PDB file of N, CA and C in Angstrom:
ATOM      1  N   ASP A   1      40.951  43.798 102.653  1.00  0.00           N
ATOM      2  CA  ASP A   1      39.825  42.327 103.822  1.00  0.00           C
ATOM      3  C   ASP A   1      38.268  42.953 104.693  1.00  0.00           C
ATOM      4  N   LYS A   2      37.765  42.017 105.577  1.00  0.00           N
ATOM      5  CA  LYS A   2      36.998  43.098 106.378  1.00  0.00           C
ATOM      6  C   LYS A   2      37.333  42.219 107.646  1.00  0.00           C
ATOM      7  N   GLY A   3      38.758  41.630 108.391  1.00  0.00           N
ATOM      8  CA  GLY A   3      38.869  41.362 109.081  1.00  0.00           C
ATOM      9  C   GLY A   3      39.383  42.566 110.449  1.00  0.00           C
ATOM     10  N   GLY A   4      39.475  43.138 111.123  1.00  0.00           N
ATOM     11  CA  GLY A   4      39.805  44.024 111.572  1.00  0.00           C
ATOM     12  C   GLY A   4      40.945  45.345 111.611  1.00  0.00           C
ATOM     13  N   GLY A   5      41.442  45.151 110.605  1.00  0.00           N
ATOM     14  CA  GLY A   5      42.604  46.114 110.423  1.00  0.00           C
ATOM     15  C   GLY A   5      43.699  45.354 110.906  1.00  0.00           C
ATOM     16  N   VAL A   6      45.098  46.206 111.052  1.00  0.00           N
ATOM     17  CA  VAL A   6      45.683  45.595 112.541  1.00  0.00           C
ATOM     18  C   VAL A   6      46.150  47.255 112.482  1.00  0.00           C
ATOM     19  N   PRO A   7      46.654  47.314 113.666  1.00  0.00           N
ATOM     20  CA  PRO A   7      47.218  48.314 114.174  1.00  0.00           C
ATOM     21  C   PRO A   7      48.289  49.278 113.611  1.00  0.00           C
ATOM     22  N   LEU A   8      47.792  50.600 113.338  1.00  0.00           N
ATOM     23  CA  LEU A   8      49.595  50.964 112.920  1.00  0.00           C
ATOM     24  C   LEU A   8      50.410  50.569 113.425  1.00  0.00           C
ATOM     25  N   ARG A   9      50.964  49.723 114.699  1.00  0.00           N
ATOM     26  CA  ARG A   9      52.295  50.309 115.337  1.00  0.00           C
ATOM     27  C   ARG A   9      52.209  48.665 114.729  1.00  0.00           C
ATOM     28  N   LYS A  10      52.052  48.116 114.241  1.00  0.00           N
ATOM     29  CA  LYS A  10      52.220  46.892 113.457  1.00  0.00           C
ATOM     30  C   LYS A  10      52.951  46.600 112.833  1.00  0.00           C
ATOM     31  N   ILE A  11      51.418  47.879 112.359  1.00  0.00           N
ATOM     32  CA  ILE A  11      51.903  47.023 109.897  1.00  0.00           C
ATOM     33  C   ILE A  11      54.137  47.664 108.911  1.00  0.00           C
ATOM     34  N   ASP A  12      54.729  47.699 110.343  1.00  0.00           N
ATOM     35  CA  ASP A  12      55.829  47.739 109.559  1.00  0.00           C
ATOM     36  C   ASP A  12      56.684  46.591 109.790  1.00  0.00           C
ATOM     37  N   ARG A  13      55.771  45.459 110.911  1.00  0.00           N
ATOM     38  CA  ARG A  13      56.473  44.655 111.394  1.00  0.00           C
ATOM     39  C   ARG A  13      55.433  43.014 110.711  1.00  0.00           C
ATOM     40  N   LEU A  14      53.977  43.576 109.265  1.00  0.00           N
ATOM     41  CA  LEU A  14      53.870  42.594 108.239  1.00  0.00           C
ATOM     42  C   LEU A  14      54.479  41.800 107.491  1.00  0.00           C
ATOM     43  N   PHE A  15      55.229  42.335 107.175  1.00  0.00           N
ATOM     44  CA  PHE A  15      56.718  42.266 106.198  1.00  0.00           C
ATOM     45  C   PHE A  15      57.947  41.524 106.721  1.00  0.00           C
ATOM     46  N   ASN A  16      57.847  41.031 107.948  1.00  0.00           N
ATOM     47  CA  ASN A  16      58.607  40.196 108.353  1.00  0.00           C
ATOM     48  C   ASN A  16      59.078  38.467 108.416  1.00  0.00           C
ATOM     49  N   TYR A  17      59.258  37.561 108.320  1.00  0.00           N
ATOM     50  CA  TYR A  17      59.002  36.357 108.101  1.00  0.00           C
ATOM     51  C   TYR A  17      58.789  36.244 109.568  1.00  0.00           C
ATOM     52  N   MET A  18      57.796  34.469 109.501  1.00  0.00           N
ATOM     53  CA  MET A  18      57.411  34.292 110.498  1.00  0.00           C
ATOM     54  C   MET A  18      56.374  35.446 111.657  1.00  0.00           C
ATOM     55  N   TYR A  19      56.556  36.178 111.552  1.00  0.00           N
ATOM     56  CA  TYR A  19      55.426  37.577 111.922  1.00  0.00           C
ATOM     57  C   TYR A  19      53.611  37.047 111.701  1.00  0.00           C
ATOM     58  N   SER A  20      53.234  36.599 112.784  1.00  0.00           N
ATOM     59  CA  SER A  20      51.412  36.831 111.623  1.00  0.00           C
ATOM     60  C   SER A  20      51.107  37.281 113.069  1.00  0.00           C
ATOM     61  N   THR A  21      49.885  38.317 112.508  1.00  0.00           N
ATOM     62  CA  THR A  21      48.578  38.615 113.319  1.00  0.00           C
ATOM     63  C   THR A  21      47.715  37.384 113.258  1.00  0.00           C
ATOM     64  N   ALA A  22      47.364  35.925 112.823  1.00  0.00           N
ATOM     65  CA  ALA A  22      47.013  35.364 112.429  1.00  0.00           C
ATOM     66  C   ALA A  22      46.829  34.420 114.052  1.00  0.00           C
ATOM     67  N   PRO A  23      45.884  33.619 114.369  1.00  0.00           N
ATOM     68  CA  PRO A  23      46.204  32.587 115.330  1.00  0.00           C
ATOM     69  C   PRO A  23      47.288  31.747 114.666  1.00  0.00           C
ATOM     70  N   ARG A  24      47.773  31.669 116.061  1.00  0.00           N
ATOM     71  CA  ARG A  24      48.627  30.562 115.717  1.00  0.00           C
ATOM     72  C   ARG A  24      48.306  28.677 115.626  1.00  0.00           C
ATOM     73  N   PRO A  25      49.004  27.775 114.719  1.00  0.00           N
ATOM     74  CA  PRO A  25      48.386  26.583 114.750  1.00  0.00           C
ATOM     75  C   PRO A  25      48.452  25.966 115.151  1.00  0.00           C
ATOM     76  N   ARG A  26      47.620  24.856 115.903  1.00  0.00           N
ATOM     77  CA  ARG A  26      48.139  24.462 116.433  1.00  0.00           C
ATOM     78  C   ARG A  26      48.875  23.004 116.312  1.00  0.00           C
ATOM     79  N   MET A  27      49.355  23.136 116.977  1.00  0.00           N
ATOM     80  CA  MET A  27      51.340  21.864 116.202  1.00  0.00           C
ATOM     81  C   MET A  27      50.788  20.700 116.709  1.00  0.00           C
ATOM     82  N   ASP A  28      50.877  19.416 116.216  1.00  0.00           N
ATOM     83  CA  ASP A  28      50.304  17.723 116.334  1.00  0.00           C
ATOM     84  C   ASP A  28      51.727  17.352 116.571  1.00  0.00           C
ATOM     85  N   THR A  29      52.323  16.263 117.316  1.00  0.00           N
ATOM     86  CA  THR A  29      53.730  16.215 116.726  1.00  0.00           C
ATOM     87  C   THR A  29      53.245  15.359 116.608  1.00  0.00           C
ATOM     88  N   SER A  30      52.885  13.922 115.890  1.00  0.00           N
ATOM     89  CA  SER A  30      52.419  12.869 115.534  1.00  0.00           C
ATOM     90  C   SER A  30      52.333  13.031 114.363  1.00  0.00           C
ATOM     91  N   ARG A  31      52.445  14.049 113.656  1.00  0.00           N
ATOM     92  CA  ARG A  31      52.724  14.454 112.210  1.00  0.00           C
ATOM     93  C   ARG A  31      53.508  15.649 111.759  1.00  0.00           C
ATOM     94  N   ALA A  32      53.724  15.305 110.405  1.00  0.00           N
ATOM     95  CA  ALA A  32      54.654  16.702 109.514  1.00  0.00           C
ATOM     96  C   ALA A  32      54.170  18.287 110.100  1.00  0.00           C
ATOM     97  N   ALA A  33      53.013  18.556 109.238  1.00  0.00           N
ATOM     98  CA  ALA A  33      52.143  19.983 109.158  1.00  0.00           C
ATOM     99  C   ALA A  33      50.995  19.298 110.181  1.00  0.00           C
ATOM    100  N   PRO A  34      51.319  20.744 110.282  1.00  0.00           N
ATOM    101  CA  PRO A  34      49.442  20.872 111.576  1.00  0.00           C
ATOM    102  C   PRO A  34      48.132  20.294 110.094  1.00  0.00           C
ATOM    103  N   LEU A  35      47.264  20.098 111.169  1.00  0.00           N
ATOM    104  CA  LEU A  35      45.546  19.679 109.519  1.00  0.00           C
ATOM    105  C   LEU A  35      44.814  20.582 110.202  1.00  0.00           C
ATOM    106  N   VAL A  36      43.939  20.998 110.124  1.00  0.00           N
ATOM    107  CA  VAL A  36      42.272  21.115 109.532  1.00  0.00           C
ATOM    108  C   VAL A  36      41.344  21.556 109.083  1.00  0.00           C
ATOM    109  N   ARG A  37      40.402  20.326 109.975  1.00  0.00           N
ATOM    110  CA  ARG A  37      39.270  20.047 109.691  1.00  0.00           C
ATOM    111  C   ARG A  37      38.239  21.377 108.438  1.00  0.00           C
ATOM    112  N   LYS A  38      38.330  21.378 107.359  1.00  0.00           N
ATOM    113  CA  LYS A  38      37.542  21.919 106.381  1.00  0.00           C
ATOM    114  C   LYS A  38      36.389  21.768 106.742  1.00  0.00           C
ATOM    115  N   PRO A  39      35.640  23.062 106.589  1.00  0.00           N
ATOM    116  CA  PRO A  39      33.610  24.205 107.325  1.00  0.00           C
ATOM    117  C   PRO A  39      33.301  23.200 106.355  1.00  0.00           C
ATOM    118  N   SER A  40      33.831  22.906 105.510  1.00  0.00           N
ATOM    119  CA  SER A  40      31.969  21.771 104.996  1.00  0.00           C
ATOM    120  C   SER A  40      32.293  20.215 105.497  1.00  0.00           C
ATOM    121  N   GLY A  41      33.168  20.370 106.440  1.00  0.00           N
ATOM    122  CA  GLY A  41      32.877  18.302 107.116  1.00  0.00           C
ATOM    123  C   GLY A  41      33.715  17.834 105.485  1.00  0.00           C
ATOM    124  N   GLY A  42      34.711  17.659 105.525  1.00  0.00           N
ATOM    125  CA  GLY A  42      35.708  17.081 104.547  1.00  0.00           C
ATOM    126  C   GLY A  42      36.700  16.297 105.677  1.00  0.00           C
ATOM    127  N   ARG A  43      37.782  16.705 104.450  1.00  0.00           N
ATOM    128  CA  ARG A  43      39.156  15.683 104.750  1.00  0.00           C
ATOM    129  C   ARG A  43      39.526  16.328 105.664  1.00  0.00           C
ATOM    130  N   HIS A  44      41.191  16.540 106.232  1.00  0.00           N
ATOM    131  CA  HIS A  44      41.988  17.461 107.457  1.00  0.00           C
ATOM    132  C   HIS A  44      42.886  17.858 106.079  1.00  0.00           C
ATOM    133  N   SER A  45      43.311  18.947 105.850  1.00  0.00           N
ATOM    134  CA  SER A  45      43.656  19.415 104.474  1.00  0.00           C
ATOM    135  C   SER A  45      44.816  20.577 105.790  1.00  0.00           C
ATOM    136  N   PRO A  46      45.950  20.008 105.204  1.00  0.00           N
ATOM    137  CA  PRO A  46      47.770  20.959 106.231  1.00  0.00           C
ATOM    138  C   PRO A  46      47.161  22.678 106.011  1.00  0.00           C
ATOM    139  N   VAL A  47      47.291  23.468 107.477  1.00  0.00           N
ATOM    140  CA  VAL A  47      47.392  24.409 107.563  1.00  0.00           C
ATOM    141  C   VAL A  47      47.721  25.157 106.674  1.00  0.00           C
ATOM    142  N   THR A  48      47.844  26.286 106.598  1.00  0.00           N
ATOM    143  CA  THR A  48      48.435  27.563 105.200  1.00  0.00           C
ATOM    144  C   THR A  48      48.690  28.513 106.108  1.00  0.00           C
ATOM    145  N   ALA A  49      47.889  29.614 107.142  1.00  0.00           N
ATOM    146  CA  ALA A  49      48.577  30.540 107.927  1.00  0.00           C
ATOM    147  C   ALA A  49      48.309  30.237 108.980  1.00  0.00           C
ATOM    148  N   GLY A  50      49.163  31.711 109.073  1.00  0.00           N
ATOM    149  CA  GLY A  50      49.651  32.323 110.523  1.00  0.00           C
ATOM    150  C   GLY A  50      50.420  31.698 110.907  1.00  0.00           C
ATOM    151  N   PHE A  51      51.429  31.000 109.856  1.00  0.00           N
ATOM    152  CA  PHE A  51      53.038  30.955 109.526  1.00  0.00           C
ATOM    153  C   PHE A  51      53.669  32.275 109.722  1.00  0.00           C
ATOM    154  N   GLY A  52      53.178  33.585 108.553  1.00  0.00           N
ATOM    155  CA  GLY A  52      53.968  34.631 109.127  1.00  0.00           C
ATOM    156  C   GLY A  52      55.226  34.734 107.275  1.00  0.00           C
ATOM    157  N   TYR A  53      54.331  33.423 106.126  1.00  0.00           N
ATOM    158  CA  TYR A  53      55.051  33.446 105.037  1.00  0.00           C
ATOM    159  C   TYR A  53      54.546  34.451 103.952  1.00  0.00           C
ATOM    160  N   GLY A  54      53.391  35.153 103.914  1.00  0.00           N
ATOM    161  CA  GLY A  54      52.844  34.759 103.395  1.00  0.00           C
ATOM    162  C   GLY A  54      52.821  36.751 102.756  1.00  0.00           C
ATOM    163  N   LEU A  55      52.572  37.145 102.912  1.00  0.00           N
ATOM    164  CA  LEU A  55      53.052  38.731 102.693  1.00  0.00           C
ATOM    165  C   LEU A  55      54.948  38.913 102.298  1.00  0.00           C
ATOM    166  N   PRO A  56      55.576  38.292 103.660  1.00  0.00           N
ATOM    167  CA  PRO A  56      57.140  38.425 102.928  1.00  0.00           C
ATOM    168  C   PRO A  56      56.765  38.135 101.618  1.00  0.00           C
ATOM    169  N   LEU A  57      56.749  37.354 101.475  1.00  0.00           N
ATOM    170  CA  LEU A  57      57.147  36.167 100.166  1.00  0.00           C
ATOM    171  C   LEU A  57      55.531  36.765  99.177  1.00  0.00           C
ATOM    172  N   SER A  58      54.953  37.684  99.376  1.00  0.00           N
ATOM    173  CA  SER A  58      54.056  38.585  97.958  1.00  0.00           C
ATOM    174  C   SER A  58      54.863  39.170  97.441  1.00  0.00           C
ATOM    175  N   ARG A  59      55.530  40.086  99.056  1.00  0.00           N
ATOM    176  CA  ARG A  59      56.311  41.912  98.076  1.00  0.00           C
ATOM    177  C   ARG A  59      57.830  41.027  97.878  1.00  0.00           C
ATOM    178  N   LEU A  60      58.202  39.613  97.922  1.00  0.00           N
ATOM    179  CA  LEU A  60      59.217  39.328  97.222  1.00  0.00           C
ATOM    180  C   LEU A  60      59.062  38.884  95.298  1.00  0.00           C
ATOM    181  N   TYR A  61      57.498  38.296  95.730  1.00  0.00           N
ATOM    182  CA  TYR A  61      57.217  37.856  94.085  1.00  0.00           C
ATOM    183  C   TYR A  61      58.039  39.246  93.527  1.00  0.00           C
ATOM    184  N   ALA A  62      56.924  39.823  94.033  1.00  0.00           N
ATOM    185  CA  ALA A  62      56.401  41.640  93.806  1.00  0.00           C
ATOM    186  C   ALA A  62      57.539  42.579  93.537  1.00  0.00           C
ATOM    187  N   ARG A  63      58.152  42.094  94.460  1.00  0.00           N
ATOM    188  CA  ARG A  63      60.016  43.395  93.449  1.00  0.00           C
ATOM    189  C   ARG A  63      60.669  42.444  92.940  1.00  0.00           C
ATOM    190  N   TYR A  64      60.847  41.782  92.851  1.00  0.00           N
ATOM    191  CA  TYR A  64      61.418  40.412  91.743  1.00  0.00           C
ATOM    192  C   TYR A  64      60.505  40.910  90.502  1.00  0.00           C
ATOM    193  N   PHE A  65      59.898  41.464  90.485  1.00  0.00           N
ATOM    194  CA  PHE A  65      59.578  41.893  88.710  1.00  0.00           C
ATOM    195  C   PHE A  65      59.276  42.808  88.682  1.00  0.00           C
ATOM    196  N   GLN A  66      60.542  43.420  89.344  1.00  0.00           N
ATOM    197  CA  GLN A  66      60.250  45.516  89.350  1.00  0.00           C
ATOM    198  C   GLN A  66      59.024  46.066  90.065  1.00  0.00           C
ATOM    199  N   GLY A  67      57.911  45.436  91.177  1.00  0.00           N
ATOM    200  CA  GLY A  67      56.891  46.321  91.544  1.00  0.00           C
ATOM    201  C   GLY A  67      57.422  46.475  92.466  1.00  0.00           C
ATOM    202  N   ASP A  68      56.048  46.269  93.228  1.00  0.00           N
ATOM    203  CA  ASP A  68      55.669  46.673  94.907  1.00  0.00           C
ATOM    204  C   ASP A  68      55.349  45.612  95.481  1.00  0.00           C
ATOM    205  N   ILE A  69      54.188  45.684  96.769  1.00  0.00           N
ATOM    206  CA  ILE A  69      52.592  45.711  97.071  1.00  0.00           C
ATOM    207  C   ILE A  69      53.058  46.771  98.961  1.00  0.00           C
ATOM    208  N   HIS A  70      52.125  47.185  98.974  1.00  0.00           N
ATOM    209  CA  HIS A  70      51.669  47.836 100.122  1.00  0.00           C
ATOM    210  C   HIS A  70      50.588  48.293 100.253  1.00  0.00           C
ATOM    211  N   LEU A  71      49.657  47.853 101.696  1.00  0.00           N
ATOM    212  CA  LEU A  71      49.173  47.647 102.707  1.00  0.00           C
ATOM    213  C   LEU A  71      49.057  49.204 103.689  1.00  0.00           C
ATOM    214  N   TYR A  72      47.016  48.817 103.162  1.00  0.00           N
ATOM    215  CA  TYR A  72      46.871  50.074 103.664  1.00  0.00           C
ATOM    216  C   TYR A  72      46.080  49.599 104.699  1.00  0.00           C
ATOM    217  N   SER A  73      45.832  50.436 106.274  1.00  0.00           N
ATOM    218  CA  SER A  73      44.882  48.939 107.272  1.00  0.00           C
ATOM    219  C   SER A  73      44.194  49.729 107.744  1.00  0.00           C
ATOM    220  N   MET A  74      42.626  49.942 107.859  1.00  0.00           N
ATOM    221  CA  MET A  74      41.677  50.968 109.039  1.00  0.00           C
ATOM    222  C   MET A  74      41.432  49.865 110.125  1.00  0.00           C
ATOM    223  N   GLU A  75      42.299  49.991 110.983  1.00  0.00           N
ATOM    224  CA  GLU A  75      42.216  50.091 112.583  1.00  0.00           C
ATOM    225  C   GLU A  75      39.995  49.067 112.816  1.00  0.00           C
ATOM    226  N   GLY A  76      39.536  48.303 113.028  1.00  0.00           N
ATOM    227  CA  GLY A  76      38.469  48.181 113.562  1.00  0.00           C
ATOM    228  C   GLY A  76      37.771  48.176 111.686  1.00  0.00           C
ATOM    229  N   HIS A  77      38.348  48.222 110.738  1.00  0.00           N
ATOM    230  CA  HIS A  77      37.587  47.758 110.026  1.00  0.00           C
ATOM    231  C   HIS A  77      38.129  46.561 109.158  1.00  0.00           C
ATOM    232  N   GLY A  78      39.779  46.893 108.391  1.00  0.00           N
ATOM    233  CA  GLY A  78      40.419  46.109 107.661  1.00  0.00           C
ATOM    234  C   GLY A  78      40.914  46.645 107.106  1.00  0.00           C
ATOM    235  N   THR A  79      41.840  45.416 106.627  1.00  0.00           N
ATOM    236  CA  THR A  79      42.481  46.251 105.630  1.00  0.00           C
ATOM    237  C   THR A  79      43.175  45.433 103.544  1.00  0.00           C
ATOM    238  N   SER A  80      43.787  46.392 102.767  1.00  0.00           N
ATOM    239  CA  SER A  80      43.361  46.452 101.481  1.00  0.00           C
ATOM    240  C   SER A  80      45.618  46.563 101.501  1.00  0.00           C
ATOM    241  N   ALA A  81      45.304  45.085 100.409  1.00  0.00           N
ATOM    242  CA  ALA A  81      46.687  45.191  99.857  1.00  0.00           C
ATOM    243  C   ALA A  81      47.040  44.591  98.215  1.00  0.00           C
ATOM    244  N   LEU A  82      47.437  46.305  98.411  1.00  0.00           N
ATOM    245  CA  LEU A  82      48.115  46.722  96.589  1.00  0.00           C
ATOM    246  C   LEU A  82      48.791  45.914  96.013  1.00  0.00           C
ATOM    247  N   VAL A  83      48.660  45.480  94.906  1.00  0.00           N
ATOM    248  CA  VAL A  83      50.214  45.387  93.921  1.00  0.00           C
ATOM    249  C   VAL A  83      50.727  45.580  93.025  1.00  0.00           C
ATOM    250  N   TYR A  84      51.629  46.235  92.976  1.00  0.00           N
ATOM    251  CA  TYR A  84      51.454  46.803  92.017  1.00  0.00           C
ATOM    252  C   TYR A  84      52.878  46.353  90.932  1.00  0.00           C
ATOM    253  N   LEU A  85      52.513  46.282  89.031  1.00  0.00           N
ATOM    254  CA  LEU A  85      53.341  45.512  88.808  1.00  0.00           C
ATOM    255  C   LEU A  85      53.687  46.962  86.829  1.00  0.00           C
ATOM    256  N   LYS A  86      54.727  45.687  86.567  1.00  0.00           N
ATOM    257  CA  LYS A  86      54.648  46.357  85.159  1.00  0.00           C
ATOM    258  C   LYS A  86      53.459  46.901  84.736  1.00  0.00           C
ATOM    259  N   ALA A  87      53.111  47.382  84.018  1.00  0.00           N
ATOM    260  CA  ALA A  87      51.807  46.997  82.847  1.00  0.00           C
ATOM    261  C   ALA A  87      52.645  46.437  80.908  1.00  0.00           C
ATOM    262  N   LEU A  88      53.683  46.460  80.894  1.00  0.00           N
ATOM    263  CA  LEU A  88      54.327  45.770  79.430  1.00  0.00           C
ATOM    264  C   LEU A  88      55.333  45.189  79.786  1.00  0.00           C
ATOM    265  N   SER A  89      54.910  43.617  79.718  1.00  0.00           N
ATOM    266  CA  SER A  89      56.091  43.262  79.477  1.00  0.00           C
ATOM    267  C   SER A  89      57.218  43.753  79.293  1.00  0.00           C
ATOM    268  N   SER A  90      57.112  43.930  78.211  1.00  0.00           N
ATOM    269  CA  SER A  90      58.840  44.839  77.968  1.00  0.00           C
ATOM    270  C   SER A  90      59.508  45.978  78.810  1.00  0.00           C
ATOM    271  N   GLU A  91      58.667  46.176  79.758  1.00  0.00           N
ATOM    272  CA  GLU A  91      59.477  47.061  80.786  1.00  0.00           C
ATOM    273  C   GLU A  91      59.325  45.923  82.221  1.00  0.00           C
ATOM    274  N   SER A  92      59.104  45.065  82.651  1.00  0.00           N
ATOM    275  CA  SER A  92      59.252  44.305  83.555  1.00  0.00           C
ATOM    276  C   SER A  92      60.010  43.425  82.951  1.00  0.00           C
ATOM    277  N   VAL A  93      61.344  43.196  83.791  1.00  0.00           N
ATOM    278  CA  VAL A  93      62.622  42.084  82.855  1.00  0.00           C
ATOM    279  C   VAL A  93      62.550  41.405  83.629  1.00  0.00           C
ATOM    280  N   GLU A  94      62.418  40.133  83.585  1.00  0.00           N
ATOM    281  CA  GLU A  94      63.150  39.021  84.862  1.00  0.00           C
ATOM    282  C   GLU A  94      64.730  38.746  84.539  1.00  0.00           C
ATOM    283  N   ARG A  95      65.713  39.238  86.350  1.00  0.00           N
ATOM    284  CA  ARG A  95      66.835  39.755  86.034  1.00  0.00           C
ATOM    285  C   ARG A  95      67.995  37.872  85.682  1.00  0.00           C
ATOM    286  N   LEU A  96      68.058  37.535  84.609  1.00  0.00           N
ATOM    287  CA  LEU A  96      68.396  36.660  84.807  1.00  0.00           C
ATOM    288  C   LEU A  96      70.210  36.959  84.497  1.00  0.00           C
ATOM    289  N   PRO A  97      71.283  35.660  84.865  1.00  0.00           N
ATOM    290  CA  PRO A  97      72.122  35.963  85.082  1.00  0.00           C
ATOM    291  C   PRO A  97      72.867  35.712  83.675  1.00  0.00           C
ATOM    292  N   VAL A  98      73.947  36.370  82.832  1.00  0.00           N
ATOM    293  CA  VAL A  98      74.709  36.064  81.596  1.00  0.00           C
ATOM    294  C   VAL A  98      75.438  35.536  81.832  1.00  0.00           C
ATOM    295  N   TYR A  99      75.210  33.549  80.759  1.00  0.00           N
ATOM    296  CA  TYR A  99      75.850  32.467  80.616  1.00  0.00           C
ATOM    297  C   TYR A  99      75.876  32.356  78.784  1.00  0.00           C
ATOM    298  N   ASN A 100      77.287  33.510  78.268  1.00  0.00           N
ATOM    299  CA  ASN A 100      77.867  32.978  77.711  1.00  0.00           C
ATOM    300  C   ASN A 100      79.655  32.608  77.164  1.00  0.00           C
ATOM    301  N   LYS A 101      79.940  32.726  76.542  1.00  0.00           N
ATOM    302  CA  LYS A 101      81.376  32.677  76.856  1.00  0.00           C
ATOM    303  C   LYS A 101      82.110  32.851  77.048  1.00  0.00           C
ATOM    304  N   SER A 102      82.081  34.893  76.928  1.00  0.00           N
ATOM    305  CA  SER A 102      82.880  35.989  77.668  1.00  0.00           C
ATOM    306  C   SER A 102      82.745  35.437  79.266  1.00  0.00           C
ATOM    307  N   ALA A 103      81.674  35.314  79.550  1.00  0.00           N
ATOM    308  CA  ALA A 103      81.099  34.836  80.721  1.00  0.00           C
ATOM    309  C   ALA A 103      81.437  33.594  81.571  1.00  0.00           C
ATOM    310  N   TRP A 104      81.374  32.861  80.407  1.00  0.00           N
ATOM    311  CA  TRP A 104      82.042  31.601  81.275  1.00  0.00           C
ATOM    312  C   TRP A 104      83.352  31.407  82.344  1.00  0.00           C
ATOM    313  N   ARG A 105      84.471  32.069  81.979  1.00  0.00           N
ATOM    314  CA  ARG A 105      85.297  31.699  82.819  1.00  0.00           C
ATOM    315  C   ARG A 105      84.387  32.539  83.979  1.00  0.00           C
ATOM    316  N   HIS A 106      83.678  33.384  84.743  1.00  0.00           N
ATOM    317  CA  HIS A 106      84.310  33.610  85.514  1.00  0.00           C
ATOM    318  C   HIS A 106      82.552  32.938  86.927  1.00  0.00           C
ATOM    319  N   TYR A 107      82.372  31.430  85.649  1.00  0.00           N
ATOM    320  CA  TYR A 107      80.951  30.530  86.968  1.00  0.00           C
ATOM    321  C   TYR A 107      81.666  29.402  86.261  1.00  0.00           C
ATOM    322  N   HIS A 108      83.231  29.076  85.064  1.00  0.00           N
ATOM    323  CA  HIS A 108      83.804  28.021  85.621  1.00  0.00           C
ATOM    324  C   HIS A 108      84.760  27.448  86.724  1.00  0.00           C
ATOM    325  N   GLU A 109      85.077  26.906  87.833  1.00  0.00           N
ATOM    326  CA  GLU A 109      86.103  26.945  88.448  1.00  0.00           C
ATOM    327  C   GLU A 109      86.776  25.204  88.505  1.00  0.00           C
ATOM    328  N   ALA A 110      88.303  26.404  87.729  1.00  0.00           N
ATOM    329  CA  ALA A 110      88.592  25.929  87.685  1.00  0.00           C
ATOM    330  C   ALA A 110      89.526  24.031  88.347  1.00  0.00           C
ATOM    331  N   HIS A 111      89.571  24.734  89.668  1.00  0.00           N
ATOM    332  CA  HIS A 111      89.893  22.999  90.265  1.00  0.00           C
ATOM    333  C   HIS A 111      88.160  23.466  91.288  1.00  0.00           C
ATOM    334  N   GLU A 112      87.835  22.182  91.286  1.00  0.00           N
ATOM    335  CA  GLU A 112      86.881  21.946  91.980  1.00  0.00           C
ATOM    336  C   GLU A 112      87.874  21.614  93.426  1.00  0.00           C
ATOM    337  N   ALA A 113      86.771  22.172  94.566  1.00  0.00           N
ATOM    338  CA  ALA A 113      87.532  22.075  95.740  1.00  0.00           C
ATOM    339  C   ALA A 113      87.183  20.053  96.420  1.00  0.00           C
ATOM    340  N   ASP A 114      87.921  19.615  97.503  1.00  0.00           N
ATOM    341  CA  ASP A 114      86.971  18.741  98.068  1.00  0.00           C
ATOM    342  C   ASP A 114      86.482  18.763  98.827  1.00  0.00           C
ATOM    343  N   ASP A 115      85.633  18.191  98.993  1.00  0.00           N
ATOM    344  CA  ASP A 115      84.384  18.215 100.152  1.00  0.00           C
ATOM    345  C   ASP A 115      84.483  16.861 101.525  1.00  0.00           C
ATOM    346  N   TRP A 116      83.488  17.778 102.614  1.00  0.00           N
ATOM    347  CA  TRP A 116      84.163  16.633 103.457  1.00  0.00           C
ATOM    348  C   TRP A 116      83.059  14.896 103.131  1.00  0.00           C
ATOM    349  N   CYS A 117      82.368  14.771 102.434  1.00  0.00           N
ATOM    350  CA  CYS A 117      81.847  13.937 101.938  1.00  0.00           C
ATOM    351  C   CYS A 117      83.279  12.715 100.709  1.00  0.00           C
ATOM    352  N   VAL A 118      83.301  13.133 100.617  1.00  0.00           N
ATOM    353  CA  VAL A 118      85.132  12.521  99.781  1.00  0.00           C
ATOM    354  C   VAL A 118      86.197  13.273  99.288  1.00  0.00           C
ATOM    355  N   PRO A 119      86.891  12.848 100.385  1.00  0.00           N
ATOM    356  CA  PRO A 119      87.738  13.422 100.358  1.00  0.00           C
ATOM    357  C   PRO A 119      88.810  12.850  99.889  1.00  0.00           C
ATOM    358  N   SER A 120      90.159  13.831  99.953  1.00  0.00           N
ATOM    359  CA  SER A 120      90.837  14.046  98.625  1.00  0.00           C
ATOM    360  C   SER A 120      91.779  12.999  99.200  1.00  0.00           C
ATOM    361  N   SER A 121      92.506  12.325  97.759  1.00  0.00           N
ATOM    362  CA  SER A 121      93.292  11.080  98.043  1.00  0.00           C
ATOM    363  C   SER A 121      94.103  11.303  98.470  1.00  0.00           C
ATOM    364  N   GLU A 122      95.229  12.430  98.626  1.00  0.00           N
ATOM    365  CA  GLU A 122      96.465  12.799  99.354  1.00  0.00           C
ATOM    366  C   GLU A 122      96.826  13.724  99.842  1.00  0.00           C
ATOM    367  N   PRO A 123      97.410  14.304 100.721  1.00  0.00           N
ATOM    368  CA  PRO A 123      97.514  15.393 101.416  1.00  0.00           C
ATOM    369  C   PRO A 123      97.407  16.237 100.460  1.00  0.00           C
ATOM    370  N   ARG A 124      97.832  17.845 100.996  1.00  0.00           N
ATOM    371  CA  ARG A 124      97.948  19.268  99.611  1.00  0.00           C
ATOM    372  C   ARG A 124      99.188  19.252 100.896  1.00  0.00           C
ATOM    373  N   ASN A 125     100.436  20.744  99.907  1.00  0.00           N
ATOM    374  CA  ASN A 125     100.973  20.579 101.122  1.00  0.00           C
ATOM    375  C   ASN A 125     100.246  22.625 101.174  1.00  0.00           C
TER     376      ASN A 125
END
């Protein structure tokens, strides 16, 4: 982008949740989400910038698929975000748990514990 860049001392913080260099959205306590009027003068829409979730979630998704995201910033000019992903689908494997007969005993609870919503009917020793 050409938004003026990010100072080098702040680059490491950009991937922290809830950290943002964008102006804080104005919160209206009467609504569940802050609203902003679209530049075209149209209806209001929810604000999606400035909460500090964009870059951390982008990196999380990239790493989930065995990739990564890197930021390169020139203070006073702008910032570039490079996303690295595997080129071949055979190299990027989604990590899913194994569900088969031999692994079933690890996932199956023999006795389900009572919770506070449905207490047990009799005391246990």
